[in-house]
Amino acid sequence: MQYYRFSIVFSAVCLALGVWYGWASTGTLAGTAQILWIIVVLSILEVSLSFDNAVVNASVLKEMDEVWQKRFLLWGIAFAVFGMRIVFPLAIVAIAAGLGPVEAVRLSLTNPAEYERIVSSAQVGIAGFGGAFLAMVGLKFFFDADKDVHWIGVIERQLSAVSAVKAIEIGLLLLVLWGISSLLPTAEALTFLIAGILGIVTFICVEAINTGLEIHEEKRRVAGAAVRSGLGGFLYLNVLDASFSFDGVIGAFALSNNMVVIALGLSIGAIFVRSMTVHLVHRGTLAEYAFLEHGAFWAIIALGMIMLFGAVAHVPEVITGVIGAVLIGLSLWWSVRHKRRHPEPTAPLPVD
């Protein structure tokens, strides 16, 4: 429970704010209870959609020093809660409707139906950018020539083998973007393609920054400086978090178009994901369960593809959460089974 104390306190504060807001806006117990229930459901939805995010965060965070881990957990909370759950949808409305920040906030509070319509109208671009970035994150993990531990061996070995062809994952994803865009009206197809390409470029830029910092770090290490940079991982994790939150923010409008309710519910979920990340890192869960990371990256690829195809047809968030939970659950079960069969501390054998 030590990893979740702050999350529990934060959740209690958010729920108390929800009670106050519900009573102030409706003036009835029934209305307050309904708002409180939506906040709870939204928080559960966010956690179910983002558990794979916690696993991937942990895989990156474990390589960072303690200073940068704390910076990510502290500043990352502010970015995830305030930036992506509050500022991001307001920014969409401000840009799409040509409004100022104050007018966007006023619209969200006084005309939530119009606010929802404007945010939802940007879904094609959001799906293209977020889906492409997440797909690149997942594909990079499997298109790796040095990867020698495989969960679904019949597929992962082939992906590892063909990774010798440079940028093959980018070419594959571009074909997927083109195929999906062909199913959209011309104007939306152009928006989708541009957003998808920007998602790929963003991933490449973050990777380039990370690589540059690693080279700089290696030079300092050779010179005798015992310094370990975490800036690249910090940037990567925050962009990754942003991409994960796109789906939750858009999906939240299926339950409510009230900005305050959505922000409170998704913020609770975001904080619990942070606590889960810390738990996974400190307990060494990824090292203990050999294939858990594989399941998370397969779930990320699935989420990325669902987001991309979401530009054509809406996929219920429940299905997205179930797919991620099943993949991670199977990888965890497979890891436990493998650990029982191979209790010695050796590298896991490939599994078909």
Protein backbone atom coordinates (compact mmCIF):
# COMPACT_ATOMS: atom_id res chain seq x y z
CA MET A 1 0.00 0.00 0.00
CA GLN A 2 2.97 2.35 0.44
CA TYR A 3 3.07 2.92 -3.32
CA TYR A 4 -0.58 3.97 -3.46
CA ARG A 5 -0.92 6.26 -0.44
CA PHE A 6 -0.62 9.47 -2.45
CA SER A 7 -3.03 8.10 -5.08
CA ILE A 8 -5.61 7.28 -2.41
CA VAL A 9 -5.31 10.73 -0.84
CA PHE A 10 -5.47 12.41 -4.25
CA SER A 11 -8.52 10.33 -5.18
CA ALA A 12 -10.26 11.30 -1.94
CA VAL A 13 -9.64 14.98 -2.69
CA CYS A 14 -10.96 14.60 -6.25
CA LEU A 15 -14.06 12.77 -5.04
CA ALA A 16 -14.65 15.47 -2.42
CA LEU A 17 -14.37 18.10 -5.16
CA GLY A 18 -16.81 16.02 -7.21
CA VAL A 19 -19.32 16.03 -4.34
CA TRP A 20 -18.94 19.80 -3.93
CA TYR A 21 -19.30 20.42 -7.67
CA GLY A 22 -22.23 18.03 -7.98
CA TRP A 23 -24.13 19.71 -5.18
CA ALA A 24 -23.28 23.22 -6.41
CA SER A 25 -24.37 22.46 -9.99
CA THR A 26 -27.43 20.26 -9.37
CA GLY A 27 -28.53 21.02 -5.81
CA THR A 28 -29.84 17.46 -5.38
CA LEU A 29 -28.50 14.27 -3.83
CA ALA A 30 -29.45 12.28 -6.92
CA GLY A 31 -27.58 14.66 -9.23
CA THR A 32 -24.53 14.68 -6.97
CA ALA A 33 -24.52 10.88 -6.76
CA GLN A 34 -24.75 10.61 -10.56
CA ILE A 35 -21.75 12.93 -11.05
CA LEU A 36 -19.78 11.03 -8.40
CA TRP A 37 -20.57 7.72 -10.11
CA ILE A 38 -19.38 9.02 -13.50
CA ILE A 39 -16.12 10.21 -11.91
CA VAL A 40 -15.52 6.73 -10.44
CA VAL A 41 -16.31 4.99 -13.74
CA LEU A 42 -14.00 7.34 -15.66
CA SER A 43 -11.16 6.65 -13.23
CA ILE A 44 -11.61 2.88 -13.66
CA LEU A 45 -11.75 3.30 -17.45
CA GLU A 46 -8.50 5.29 -17.42
CA VAL A 47 -6.70 2.66 -15.34
CA SER A 48 -7.95 -0.21 -17.52
CA LEU A 49 -6.82 1.59 -20.70
CA SER A 50 -3.44 2.56 -19.26
CA PHE A 51 -2.10 -0.48 -17.41
CA ASP A 52 0.07 -1.31 -20.41
CA ASN A 53 1.29 2.29 -20.20
CA ALA A 54 2.45 1.65 -16.63
CA VAL A 55 4.39 -1.45 -17.71
CA VAL A 56 6.12 0.39 -20.56
CA ASN A 57 6.81 3.39 -18.32
CA ALA A 58 8.46 1.03 -15.84
CA SER A 59 10.64 -0.52 -18.57
CA VAL A 60 12.03 2.94 -19.41
CA LEU A 61 12.06 4.32 -15.87
CA LYS A 62 14.17 1.46 -14.50
CA GLU A 63 17.05 2.61 -16.75
CA MET A 64 16.94 6.18 -15.40
CA ASP A 65 18.73 7.33 -12.27
CA GLU A 66 16.79 8.16 -9.10
CA VAL A 67 16.89 11.91 -9.73
CA TRP A 68 15.20 11.65 -13.12
CA GLN A 69 12.76 9.05 -11.83
CA LYS A 70 11.59 11.55 -9.21
CA ARG A 71 11.42 14.34 -11.79
CA PHE A 72 9.25 12.22 -14.07
CA LEU A 73 6.94 11.17 -11.27
CA LEU A 74 6.60 14.74 -9.95
CA TRP A 75 6.54 16.82 -13.14
CA GLY A 76 4.94 14.01 -15.09
CA ILE A 77 1.97 14.04 -12.72
CA ALA A 78 1.46 17.75 -13.36
CA PHE A 79 1.76 17.21 -17.12
CA ALA A 80 -0.54 14.18 -17.20
CA VAL A 81 -3.22 15.62 -14.90
CA PHE A 82 -3.21 19.32 -15.71
CA GLY A 83 -1.78 19.28 -19.23
CA MET A 84 -3.48 16.37 -20.94
CA ARG A 85 -6.74 16.11 -18.98
CA ILE A 86 -7.53 19.84 -18.78
CA VAL A 87 -5.38 21.99 -21.09
CA PHE A 88 -5.34 19.59 -24.06
CA PRO A 89 -9.13 19.44 -24.71
CA LEU A 90 -9.39 23.19 -24.06
CA ALA A 91 -6.60 23.81 -26.58
CA ILE A 92 -8.44 21.73 -29.18
CA VAL A 93 -11.57 23.82 -28.71
CA ALA A 94 -9.61 27.09 -28.78
CA ILE A 95 -7.83 26.18 -32.03
CA ALA A 96 -10.79 24.56 -33.79
CA ALA A 97 -13.27 27.32 -32.89
CA GLY A 98 -10.82 30.22 -33.04
CA LEU A 99 -11.43 31.12 -29.40
CA GLY A 100 -9.16 32.47 -26.70
CA PRO A 101 -8.30 30.41 -23.61
CA VAL A 102 -10.85 32.19 -21.42
CA GLU A 103 -13.62 31.78 -24.01
CA ALA A 104 -12.76 28.08 -24.37
CA VAL A 105 -13.08 27.57 -20.61
CA ARG A 106 -16.38 29.49 -20.57
CA LEU A 107 -17.71 27.37 -23.45
CA SER A 108 -16.79 24.14 -21.64
CA LEU A 109 -18.69 25.25 -18.53
CA THR A 110 -21.71 26.96 -20.11
CA ASN A 111 -22.25 24.91 -23.29
CA PRO A 112 -20.81 21.40 -22.73
CA ALA A 113 -22.66 19.94 -25.74
CA GLU A 114 -20.91 22.35 -28.14
CA TYR A 115 -17.63 21.78 -26.31
CA GLU A 116 -18.00 18.01 -26.84
CA ARG A 117 -18.86 18.52 -30.52
CA ILE A 118 -15.73 20.58 -31.18
CA VAL A 119 -13.41 18.19 -29.35
CA SER A 120 -14.95 15.18 -31.12
CA SER A 121 -14.57 16.90 -34.51
CA ALA A 122 -10.79 16.74 -34.03
CA GLN A 123 -10.87 12.96 -33.51
CA VAL A 124 -9.53 12.12 -36.99
CA GLY A 125 -6.34 14.11 -36.44
CA ILE A 126 -5.95 12.86 -32.87
CA ALA A 127 -6.42 9.26 -34.01
CA GLY A 128 -3.79 9.68 -36.73
CA PHE A 129 -1.16 11.26 -34.49
CA GLY A 130 -1.70 9.22 -31.33
CA GLY A 131 -2.23 5.92 -33.15
CA ALA A 132 0.91 6.35 -35.29
CA PHE A 133 3.09 7.27 -32.30
CA LEU A 134 1.86 4.34 -30.21
CA ALA A 135 2.23 1.93 -33.12
CA MET A 136 5.85 3.06 -33.57
CA VAL A 137 6.51 2.49 -29.85
CA GLY A 138 5.24 -1.08 -30.08
CA LEU A 139 6.86 -1.89 -33.43
CA LYS A 140 10.25 -0.62 -32.27
CA PHE A 141 10.22 -3.15 -29.43
CA PHE A 142 9.66 -6.12 -31.75
CA PHE A 143 11.63 -4.95 -34.81
CA ASP A 144 14.90 -5.38 -32.95
CA ALA A 145 17.70 -7.58 -34.31
CA ASP A 146 19.27 -7.90 -30.85
CA LYS A 147 16.07 -9.14 -29.22
CA ASP A 148 16.61 -12.74 -28.10
CA VAL A 149 13.72 -13.28 -25.65
CA HIS A 150 10.41 -14.01 -27.36
CA TRP A 151 6.93 -14.63 -26.02
CA ILE A 152 4.96 -15.37 -29.21
CA GLY A 153 8.00 -16.84 -30.88
CA VAL A 154 6.45 -17.71 -34.24
CA ILE A 155 5.76 -14.01 -34.84
CA GLU A 156 8.40 -12.23 -32.78
CA ARG A 157 11.32 -14.16 -34.27
CA GLN A 158 10.24 -13.18 -37.77
CA LEU A 159 9.87 -9.52 -36.80
CA SER A 160 13.31 -9.58 -35.20
CA ALA A 161 14.81 -11.21 -38.30
CA VAL A 162 13.41 -8.72 -40.83
CA SER A 163 14.44 -5.77 -38.64
CA ALA A 164 17.80 -5.91 -40.45
CA VAL A 165 15.99 -3.97 -43.20
CA LYS A 166 16.34 -0.37 -42.02
CA ALA A 167 13.13 1.56 -41.31
CA ILE A 168 10.91 -1.36 -42.32
CA GLU A 169 8.52 -0.60 -39.44
CA ILE A 170 8.10 2.97 -40.72
CA GLY A 171 7.31 1.72 -44.23
CA LEU A 172 4.81 -0.79 -42.84
CA LEU A 173 3.06 1.87 -40.77
CA LEU A 174 2.93 4.30 -43.71
CA LEU A 175 1.15 1.62 -45.74
CA VAL A 176 -1.37 1.19 -42.92
CA LEU A 177 -1.93 4.97 -42.78
CA TRP A 178 -2.46 5.10 -46.54
CA GLY A 179 -4.88 2.15 -46.44
CA ILE A 180 -7.00 3.68 -43.67
CA SER A 181 -6.96 7.12 -45.32
CA SER A 182 -8.40 5.58 -48.49
CA LEU A 183 -11.54 4.75 -46.47
CA LEU A 184 -12.05 8.39 -45.42
CA PRO A 185 -13.47 11.41 -47.29
CA THR A 186 -10.80 13.43 -49.06
CA ALA A 187 -10.56 16.26 -46.51
CA GLU A 188 -10.44 13.90 -43.54
CA ALA A 189 -7.98 11.60 -45.36
CA LEU A 190 -5.51 14.47 -45.75
CA THR A 191 -5.88 15.42 -42.07
CA PHE A 192 -5.40 11.80 -41.03
CA LEU A 193 -2.29 11.31 -43.18
CA ILE A 194 -0.65 14.54 -42.04
CA ALA A 195 -1.37 13.75 -38.38
CA GLY A 196 -0.07 10.20 -38.77
CA ILE A 197 3.14 11.38 -40.43
CA LEU A 198 3.61 13.95 -37.66
CA GLY A 199 3.17 11.15 -35.12
CA ILE A 200 5.96 9.16 -36.81
CA VAL A 201 8.18 12.25 -37.05
CA THR A 202 7.60 13.02 -33.36
CA PHE A 203 8.66 9.49 -32.45
CA ILE A 204 11.80 9.81 -34.59
CA CYS A 205 12.63 13.21 -33.03
CA VAL A 206 12.29 11.87 -29.50
CA GLU A 207 14.44 8.86 -30.42
CA ALA A 208 17.04 11.19 -31.98
CA ILE A 209 17.18 13.32 -28.84
CA ASN A 210 17.53 10.22 -26.70
CA THR A 211 20.31 8.83 -28.92
CA GLY A 212 22.16 12.15 -28.88
CA LEU A 213 22.00 12.30 -25.10
CA GLU A 214 23.24 8.72 -24.83
CA ILE A 215 26.23 9.54 -27.06
CA HIS A 216 26.98 12.62 -24.95
CA GLU A 217 26.67 10.54 -21.79
CA GLU A 218 29.04 7.91 -23.15
CA LYS A 219 31.64 10.55 -23.98
CA ARG A 220 31.45 11.93 -20.45
CA ARG A 221 31.71 8.43 -19.02
CA VAL A 222 34.84 7.78 -21.07
CA ALA A 223 36.25 11.06 -19.74
CA GLY A 224 35.66 9.80 -16.21
CA ALA A 225 32.41 11.58 -15.35
CA ALA A 226 30.00 9.35 -13.44
CA VAL A 227 26.92 11.11 -14.80
CA ARG A 228 23.83 9.40 -16.10
CA SER A 229 21.36 11.48 -18.09
CA GLY A 230 17.64 10.82 -17.92
CA LEU A 231 16.40 13.70 -20.08
CA GLY A 232 15.83 11.54 -23.17
CA GLY A 233 13.77 9.01 -21.24
CA PHE A 234 11.91 11.83 -19.52
CA LEU A 235 10.87 13.37 -22.86
CA TYR A 236 9.99 9.96 -24.31
CA LEU A 237 7.79 9.02 -21.35
CA ASN A 238 5.87 12.30 -21.40
CA VAL A 239 5.15 12.06 -25.13
CA LEU A 240 4.13 8.43 -24.63
CA ASP A 241 1.81 9.43 -21.78
CA ALA A 242 0.28 12.12 -23.96
CA SER A 243 -0.43 9.61 -26.73
CA PHE A 244 -2.06 7.21 -24.28
CA SER A 245 -4.25 9.96 -22.85
CA PHE A 246 -5.72 10.90 -26.26
CA ASP A 247 -7.87 7.80 -26.29
CA GLY A 248 -9.07 8.28 -22.73
CA VAL A 249 -9.96 11.96 -23.20
CA ILE A 250 -11.98 11.33 -26.36
CA GLY A 251 -13.59 8.20 -24.94
CA ALA A 252 -14.62 10.03 -21.77
CA PHE A 253 -17.21 12.00 -23.74
CA ALA A 254 -19.20 8.78 -24.11
CA LEU A 255 -20.00 9.14 -20.39
CA SER A 256 -20.04 12.90 -19.87
CA ASN A 257 -19.47 16.15 -21.74
CA ASN A 258 -18.73 18.08 -18.54
CA MET A 259 -15.09 19.23 -18.46
CA VAL A 260 -14.91 19.26 -14.65
CA VAL A 261 -16.27 15.72 -14.31
CA ILE A 262 -13.98 14.37 -17.04
CA ALA A 263 -10.90 16.07 -15.57
CA LEU A 264 -11.57 14.70 -12.07
CA GLY A 265 -12.25 11.14 -13.23
CA LEU A 266 -9.30 10.87 -15.63
CA SER A 267 -6.94 12.53 -13.16
CA ILE A 268 -7.66 9.86 -10.55
CA GLY A 269 -6.86 7.18 -13.12
CA ALA A 270 -3.67 8.96 -14.21
CA ILE A 271 -2.36 9.15 -10.65
CA PHE A 272 -2.99 5.45 -10.05
CA VAL A 273 -1.09 4.63 -13.26
CA ARG A 274 1.86 6.59 -11.84
CA SER A 275 1.68 4.60 -8.61
CA MET A 276 1.55 1.34 -10.56
CA THR A 277 4.66 2.44 -12.48
CA VAL A 278 6.61 3.08 -9.26
CA HIS A 279 5.41 -0.26 -7.85
CA LEU A 280 6.62 -2.15 -10.93
CA VAL A 281 10.02 -0.42 -10.87
CA HIS A 282 10.75 -0.82 -7.14
CA ARG A 283 9.55 -4.42 -6.94
CA GLY A 284 11.48 -5.49 -10.05
CA THR A 285 8.34 -7.01 -11.52
CA LEU A 286 9.54 -6.81 -15.12
CA ALA A 287 12.65 -8.84 -14.31
CA GLU A 288 10.61 -11.35 -12.33
CA TYR A 289 7.99 -11.93 -15.04
CA ALA A 290 9.85 -12.45 -18.30
CA PHE A 291 7.02 -11.87 -20.77
CA LEU A 292 5.01 -9.15 -19.04
CA GLU A 293 6.79 -6.45 -21.04
CA HIS A 294 6.02 -8.30 -24.28
CA GLY A 295 2.32 -8.40 -23.44
CA ALA A 296 2.34 -4.65 -22.73
CA PHE A 297 3.95 -3.83 -26.08
CA TRP A 298 1.51 -6.07 -27.94
CA ALA A 299 -1.27 -4.21 -26.12
CA ILE A 300 0.27 -0.90 -27.24
CA ILE A 301 0.31 -2.03 -30.86
CA ALA A 302 -3.33 -3.12 -30.50
CA LEU A 303 -4.26 0.25 -28.97
CA GLY A 304 -2.39 2.09 -31.72
CA MET A 305 -4.23 0.15 -34.43
CA ILE A 306 -7.58 0.69 -32.70
CA MET A 307 -6.89 4.42 -32.53
CA LEU A 308 -5.96 4.52 -36.22
CA PHE A 309 -9.05 2.58 -37.33
CA GLY A 310 -11.06 4.74 -34.92
CA ALA A 311 -10.85 7.45 -37.58
CA VAL A 312 -13.12 5.26 -39.72
CA ALA A 313 -15.37 3.63 -37.12
CA HIS A 314 -15.67 4.08 -33.37
CA VAL A 315 -14.44 1.19 -31.26
CA PRO A 316 -15.97 1.09 -27.75
CA GLU A 317 -13.46 1.82 -25.01
CA VAL A 318 -14.58 -1.32 -23.19
CA ILE A 319 -13.27 -3.44 -26.07
CA THR A 320 -9.96 -1.55 -26.05
CA GLY A 321 -9.56 -2.12 -22.31
CA VAL A 322 -10.49 -5.81 -22.56
CA ILE A 323 -7.96 -6.45 -25.36
CA GLY A 324 -5.17 -4.81 -23.36
CA ALA A 325 -6.12 -6.66 -20.18
CA VAL A 326 -6.27 -10.03 -21.98
CA LEU A 327 -2.84 -9.57 -23.61
CA ILE A 328 -1.19 -8.50 -20.37
CA GLY A 329 -3.00 -11.20 -18.40
CA LEU A 330 -1.85 -13.90 -20.83
CA SER A 331 1.74 -12.66 -20.76
CA LEU A 332 1.68 -12.64 -16.95
CA TRP A 333 0.26 -16.17 -16.81
CA TRP A 334 2.85 -17.35 -19.35
CA SER A 335 5.60 -15.71 -17.28
CA VAL A 336 4.46 -17.45 -14.10
CA ARG A 337 4.30 -20.79 -15.90
CA HIS A 338 7.77 -20.29 -17.36
CA LYS A 339 9.18 -19.29 -13.97
CA ARG A 340 7.85 -22.49 -12.40
CA ARG A 341 9.39 -24.59 -15.16
CA HIS A 342 12.72 -22.71 -15.09
CA PRO A 343 13.28 -21.53 -11.49
CA GLU A 344 17.02 -21.08 -12.06
CA PRO A 345 18.14 -17.47 -12.67
CA THR A 346 18.86 -17.85 -16.37
CA ALA A 347 17.59 -16.01 -19.40
CA PRO A 348 14.12 -17.11 -20.45
CA LEU A 349 13.92 -19.51 -23.31
CA PRO A 350 12.03 -18.47 -26.46
CA VAL A 351 8.43 -19.60 -26.40
CA ASP A 352 6.36 -20.51 -29.45
